[in-house]
Amino acid sequence: MSERILDDEFFYPLVLVEDQIVGEGNPKLKDIYQEMEKYGYKESSE
């Protein structure tokens, strides 16, 4: 995957959740949280 970033196929940072790309370059936290919630991740109450 790092080779593909170096070859400008993807932009750094590349964010993956369960092997799916959910953001690259300037990723949006809302999109990342939504994808994580699909897999059962929950926001901490602390």
N, C-alpha and C. Protein backbone atom coordinates (compact mmCIF):
# COMPACT_ATOMS: atom_id res chain seq x y z
N MET A 1 0.83 -1.19 0.00
CA MET A 1 0.00 0.00 0.00
C MET A 1 0.87 1.25 0.00
N SER A 2 1.97 1.23 0.76
CA SER A 2 2.83 2.41 0.82
C SER A 2 3.43 2.73 -0.55
N GLU A 3 3.70 1.70 -1.35
CA GLU A 3 4.22 1.93 -2.70
C GLU A 3 3.19 2.68 -3.54
N ARG A 4 1.94 2.37 -3.37
CA ARG A 4 0.88 3.03 -4.14
C ARG A 4 0.75 4.49 -3.73
N ILE A 5 0.99 4.79 -2.46
CA ILE A 5 0.99 6.18 -2.01
C ILE A 5 2.17 6.91 -2.62
N LEU A 6 3.35 6.27 -2.59
CA LEU A 6 4.54 6.88 -3.16
C LEU A 6 4.41 7.09 -4.67
N ASP A 7 3.66 6.23 -5.34
CA ASP A 7 3.43 6.37 -6.78
C ASP A 7 2.29 7.33 -7.10
N ASP A 8 1.81 8.05 -6.09
CA ASP A 8 0.72 9.03 -6.23
C ASP A 8 -0.61 8.43 -6.66
N GLU A 9 -0.79 7.14 -6.38
CA GLU A 9 -2.08 6.52 -6.65
C GLU A 9 -3.09 6.94 -5.59
N PHE A 10 -2.60 7.10 -4.35
CA PHE A 10 -3.39 7.57 -3.23
C PHE A 10 -2.65 8.72 -2.57
N PHE A 11 -3.39 9.52 -1.81
CA PHE A 11 -2.79 10.65 -1.10
C PHE A 11 -2.63 10.31 0.38
N TYR A 12 -1.53 10.76 0.97
CA TYR A 12 -1.25 10.58 2.39
C TYR A 12 -1.99 11.65 3.17
N PRO A 13 -2.61 11.37 4.29
CA PRO A 13 -2.76 10.07 4.92
C PRO A 13 -3.89 9.27 4.28
N LEU A 14 -3.72 7.98 4.27
CA LEU A 14 -4.72 7.05 3.77
C LEU A 14 -5.33 6.36 4.98
N VAL A 15 -6.65 6.44 5.12
CA VAL A 15 -7.34 5.87 6.28
C VAL A 15 -8.12 4.64 5.83
N LEU A 16 -7.82 3.51 6.48
CA LEU A 16 -8.50 2.25 6.19
C LEU A 16 -9.28 1.79 7.42
N VAL A 17 -10.46 1.24 7.19
CA VAL A 17 -11.24 0.60 8.24
C VAL A 17 -11.63 -0.76 7.69
N GLU A 18 -11.18 -1.82 8.37
CA GLU A 18 -11.46 -3.19 7.93
C GLU A 18 -11.08 -3.38 6.46
N ASP A 19 -9.90 -2.90 6.09
CA ASP A 19 -9.33 -3.03 4.74
C ASP A 19 -10.09 -2.27 3.66
N GLN A 20 -10.93 -1.32 4.04
CA GLN A 20 -11.62 -0.47 3.08
C GLN A 20 -11.12 0.95 3.23
N ILE A 21 -10.87 1.62 2.11
CA ILE A 21 -10.42 3.00 2.15
C ILE A 21 -11.61 3.89 2.48
N VAL A 22 -11.50 4.66 3.56
CA VAL A 22 -12.58 5.56 3.94
C VAL A 22 -12.16 7.03 3.86
N GLY A 23 -10.89 7.28 3.62
CA GLY A 23 -10.44 8.65 3.49
C GLY A 23 -9.00 8.71 3.04
N GLU A 24 -8.68 9.77 2.32
CA GLU A 24 -7.29 10.00 1.92
C GLU A 24 -7.07 11.49 1.73
N GLY A 25 -5.81 11.90 1.84
CA GLY A 25 -5.49 13.31 1.69
C GLY A 25 -5.93 14.11 2.89
N ASN A 26 -7.11 14.67 2.82
CA ASN A 26 -7.69 15.42 3.92
C ASN A 26 -8.98 14.71 4.34
N PRO A 27 -8.85 13.58 5.07
CA PRO A 27 -10.03 12.77 5.38
C PRO A 27 -11.00 13.48 6.32
N LYS A 28 -12.27 13.19 6.13
CA LYS A 28 -13.31 13.79 6.97
C LYS A 28 -13.63 12.82 8.12
N LEU A 29 -13.56 13.33 9.34
CA LEU A 29 -13.80 12.50 10.52
C LEU A 29 -15.21 11.90 10.52
N LYS A 30 -16.18 12.65 10.02
CA LYS A 30 -17.56 12.16 9.99
C LYS A 30 -17.64 10.88 9.17
N ASP A 31 -16.99 10.85 8.01
CA ASP A 31 -16.99 9.66 7.16
C ASP A 31 -16.30 8.48 7.85
N ILE A 32 -15.20 8.77 8.54
CA ILE A 32 -14.46 7.73 9.24
C ILE A 32 -15.30 7.15 10.37
N TYR A 33 -15.94 8.02 11.17
CA TYR A 33 -16.79 7.55 12.28
C TYR A 33 -17.96 6.71 11.76
N GLN A 34 -18.58 7.14 10.66
CA GLN A 34 -19.71 6.39 10.12
C GLN A 34 -19.29 4.99 9.70
N GLU A 35 -18.14 4.88 9.06
CA GLU A 35 -17.67 3.57 8.63
C GLU A 35 -17.31 2.70 9.83
N MET A 36 -16.70 3.30 10.85
CA MET A 36 -16.33 2.54 12.05
C MET A 36 -17.56 2.02 12.78
N GLU A 37 -18.63 2.82 12.82
CA GLU A 37 -19.86 2.41 13.50
C GLU A 37 -20.50 1.21 12.82
N LYS A 38 -20.30 1.04 11.52
CA LYS A 38 -20.82 -0.13 10.81
C LYS A 38 -20.22 -1.42 11.35
N TYR A 39 -19.01 -1.32 11.91
CA TYR A 39 -18.31 -2.49 12.42
C TYR A 39 -18.39 -2.60 13.94
N GLY A 40 -19.26 -1.80 14.56
CA GLY A 40 -19.50 -1.92 15.99
C GLY A 40 -18.66 -1.02 16.88
N TYR A 41 -17.83 -0.19 16.29
CA TYR A 41 -17.06 0.74 17.12
C TYR A 41 -18.01 1.79 17.67
N LYS A 42 -17.78 2.18 18.93
CA LYS A 42 -18.63 3.18 19.57
C LYS A 42 -17.78 4.26 20.19
N GLU A 43 -18.36 5.45 20.27
CA GLU A 43 -17.67 6.58 20.88
C GLU A 43 -17.55 6.35 22.39
N SER A 44 -16.41 6.67 22.93
CA SER A 44 -16.18 6.51 24.36
C SER A 44 -17.00 7.54 25.13
N SER A 45 -17.51 7.16 26.30
CA SER A 45 -18.29 8.08 27.11
C SER A 45 -17.42 8.88 28.06
N GLU A 46 -16.12 8.65 28.04
CA GLU A 46 -15.20 9.37 28.94
C GLU A 46 -14.80 10.69 28.37
